[in-house]
Amino acid sequence: MEEQEKNPVKILDRRHFTREGDRRKDEEIPPGEKPAAKGEPASAAASPSAPEPKPEPEKPDRTREPGRPSIFTELVLSLSTSCYMSLGQIPEPSGGLSEVNLEAAASTIDILEMLAQKTRGNLDPYEKDILDKILYELKLVYVQVRQKIGP
């Protein structure tokens, strides 16, 4: 604690504007922080001893690995599989058909509808096509199962 009192922390305000929003005068800006001249590029204004920042290596786009569907497509396929199970169309791993749960199926279809609305215009043609086809098929199966069960 005594060390902190011996070496007080010095705070240097490097902002170019005052609290009121007015531009600070040049003499108020610390000498090492003077803005670059208009014709001079920003890198020339930096101290010559400072090393140039290395460009970051490009990160691979994990959504587009060769031969593998996008993460969005995997999400849609996972939700559709869950919905097919709720509709009793996919057998359970233990054997036999799964129990029909129309509420869960309707909720999953609603989630997929929401995804379609929220991602409209942001999907590539392949993703949009898969989402549209899956929604169409799930709605058809839902209606068929509902008719079999009755009102």
Protein backbone atom coordinates (compact mmCIF):
# COMPACT_ATOMS: atom_id res chain seq x y z
CA MET A 1 0.00 0.00 0.00
CA GLU A 2 2.93 2.33 0.75
CA GLU A 3 4.33 1.60 -2.72
CA GLN A 4 1.17 2.99 -4.29
CA GLU A 5 1.57 6.25 -2.36
CA LYS A 6 5.21 6.61 -3.46
CA ASN A 7 4.40 6.06 -7.16
CA PRO A 8 1.18 7.95 -7.83
CA VAL A 9 -0.68 7.07 -11.01
CA LYS A 10 -0.56 9.81 -13.63
CA ILE A 11 -3.62 10.05 -15.84
CA LEU A 12 -3.16 11.68 -19.23
CA ASP A 13 -6.30 12.74 -21.12
CA ARG A 14 -5.66 12.03 -24.80
CA ARG A 15 -9.10 12.90 -26.04
CA HIS A 16 -9.27 15.56 -28.73
CA PHE A 17 -12.52 17.03 -27.39
CA THR A 18 -13.48 18.61 -24.07
CA ARG A 19 -16.39 17.46 -21.92
CA GLU A 20 -18.55 20.13 -23.53
CA GLY A 21 -17.78 18.73 -26.99
CA ASP A 22 -15.44 21.53 -28.10
CA ARG A 23 -12.21 20.63 -29.87
CA ARG A 24 -9.18 20.99 -27.61
CA LYS A 25 -6.55 23.56 -28.51
CA ASP A 26 -3.31 22.17 -29.96
CA GLU A 27 -1.33 23.01 -26.84
CA GLU A 28 -3.75 20.93 -24.74
CA ILE A 29 -3.11 17.81 -26.83
CA PRO A 30 -0.05 15.90 -25.54
CA PRO A 31 2.99 16.29 -27.83
CA GLY A 32 3.15 12.63 -28.86
CA GLU A 33 -0.51 12.65 -29.84
CA LYS A 34 -0.64 15.47 -32.40
CA PRO A 35 -2.92 14.57 -35.32
CA ALA A 36 -1.31 13.94 -38.70
CA ALA A 37 -1.18 16.76 -41.22
CA LYS A 38 -3.84 16.67 -43.91
CA GLY A 39 -1.48 15.58 -46.69
CA GLU A 40 0.47 13.22 -44.46
CA PRO A 41 -0.79 9.64 -44.02
CA ALA A 42 -1.60 8.50 -40.51
CA SER A 43 1.23 5.96 -40.50
CA ALA A 44 3.80 8.72 -41.15
CA ALA A 45 2.58 10.63 -38.08
CA ALA A 46 3.34 7.68 -35.81
CA SER A 47 6.74 7.52 -34.22
CA PRO A 48 9.36 5.97 -36.51
CA SER A 49 10.47 3.52 -33.83
CA ALA A 50 6.99 1.98 -33.55
CA PRO A 51 6.77 -1.26 -35.55
CA GLU A 52 4.07 -1.50 -38.16
CA PRO A 53 1.17 -3.67 -37.04
CA LYS A 54 1.17 -7.04 -38.72
CA PRO A 55 -1.98 -7.84 -40.68
CA GLU A 56 -4.07 -10.48 -38.97
CA PRO A 57 -4.13 -13.77 -40.81
CA GLU A 58 -7.50 -14.44 -42.32
CA LYS A 59 -9.58 -16.77 -40.23
CA PRO A 60 -11.17 -19.58 -42.20
CA ASP A 61 -14.92 -19.27 -42.60
CA ARG A 62 -16.11 -22.19 -40.48
CA THR A 63 -19.56 -22.02 -42.01
CA ARG A 64 -18.18 -22.99 -45.42
CA GLU A 65 -15.86 -25.95 -45.02
CA PRO A 66 -15.50 -27.85 -48.29
CA GLY A 67 -17.97 -30.70 -48.64
CA ARG A 68 -19.86 -29.70 -45.50
CA PRO A 69 -23.14 -27.80 -45.18
CA SER A 70 -23.21 -24.44 -43.43
CA ILE A 71 -23.93 -24.16 -39.72
CA PHE A 72 -27.28 -22.58 -40.58
CA THR A 73 -28.19 -25.58 -42.75
CA GLU A 74 -27.18 -27.94 -39.95
CA LEU A 75 -29.43 -26.02 -37.54
CA VAL A 76 -32.37 -26.24 -39.95
CA LEU A 77 -31.80 -29.96 -40.50
CA SER A 78 -31.55 -30.57 -36.75
CA LEU A 79 -34.81 -28.73 -36.08
CA SER A 80 -36.55 -30.57 -38.92
CA THR A 81 -35.39 -33.95 -37.57
CA SER A 82 -36.75 -33.00 -34.16
CA CYS A 83 -40.06 -32.04 -35.76
CA TYR A 84 -40.27 -35.30 -37.72
CA MET A 85 -39.72 -37.19 -34.46
CA SER A 86 -42.48 -35.17 -32.79
CA LEU A 87 -44.77 -36.10 -35.67
CA GLY A 88 -43.95 -39.81 -35.23
CA GLN A 89 -42.23 -40.07 -38.61
CA ILE A 90 -38.80 -41.16 -37.34
CA PRO A 91 -38.40 -44.22 -35.13
CA GLU A 92 -36.83 -43.79 -31.73
CA PRO A 93 -33.31 -45.17 -31.27
CA SER A 94 -34.66 -47.77 -28.82
CA GLY A 95 -36.99 -49.09 -31.51
CA GLY A 96 -40.53 -48.42 -32.59
CA LEU A 97 -42.14 -45.18 -33.63
CA SER A 98 -41.87 -42.17 -31.43
CA GLU A 99 -44.91 -40.74 -29.71
CA VAL A 100 -46.79 -38.03 -31.60
CA ASN A 101 -46.53 -34.61 -29.98
CA LEU A 102 -48.36 -32.07 -32.14
CA GLU A 103 -47.58 -29.17 -29.79
CA ALA A 104 -43.83 -29.74 -30.05
CA ALA A 105 -44.08 -30.15 -33.82
CA ALA A 106 -46.07 -26.92 -34.18
CA SER A 107 -43.54 -25.06 -32.02
CA THR A 108 -40.64 -26.33 -34.12
CA ILE A 109 -42.42 -25.33 -37.34
CA ASP A 110 -43.01 -21.88 -35.84
CA ILE A 111 -39.30 -21.59 -34.99
CA LEU A 112 -38.37 -22.50 -38.56
CA GLU A 113 -40.89 -19.94 -39.86
CA MET A 114 -39.32 -17.31 -37.63
CA LEU A 115 -35.85 -18.20 -38.92
CA ALA A 116 -37.13 -17.87 -42.49
CA GLN A 117 -38.54 -14.41 -41.77
CA LYS A 118 -35.54 -13.13 -39.82
CA THR A 119 -32.99 -14.35 -42.37
CA ARG A 120 -34.91 -13.22 -45.46
CA GLY A 121 -32.44 -11.69 -47.91
CA ASN A 122 -29.38 -12.91 -45.97
CA LEU A 123 -29.27 -16.55 -47.05
CA ASP A 124 -27.53 -17.95 -50.07
CA PRO A 125 -29.83 -19.69 -52.61
CA TYR A 126 -28.94 -23.17 -51.33
CA GLU A 127 -29.84 -22.33 -47.71
CA LYS A 128 -33.06 -20.58 -48.73
CA ASP A 129 -34.09 -23.52 -50.91
CA ILE A 130 -33.48 -26.06 -48.13
CA LEU A 131 -35.39 -23.98 -45.57
CA ASP A 132 -38.35 -23.45 -47.91
CA LYS A 133 -38.55 -27.14 -48.90
CA ILE A 134 -38.27 -28.37 -45.31
CA LEU A 135 -40.97 -25.97 -44.12
CA TYR A 136 -43.27 -27.07 -46.94
CA GLU A 137 -42.73 -30.78 -46.20
CA LEU A 138 -43.14 -30.36 -42.43
CA LYS A 139 -46.40 -28.46 -42.85
CA LEU A 140 -47.75 -31.19 -45.15
CA VAL A 141 -46.80 -33.97 -42.72
CA TYR A 142 -48.25 -31.98 -39.80
CA VAL A 143 -51.60 -31.64 -41.59
CA GLN A 144 -51.63 -35.35 -42.51
CA VAL A 145 -50.85 -36.47 -38.95
CA ARG A 146 -53.42 -34.07 -37.53
CA GLN A 147 -56.09 -35.45 -39.88
CA LYS A 148 -55.23 -39.03 -38.88
CA ILE A 149 -55.53 -38.23 -35.18
CA GLY A 150 -58.69 -36.22 -35.61
CA PRO A 151 -59.83 -32.96 -34.03
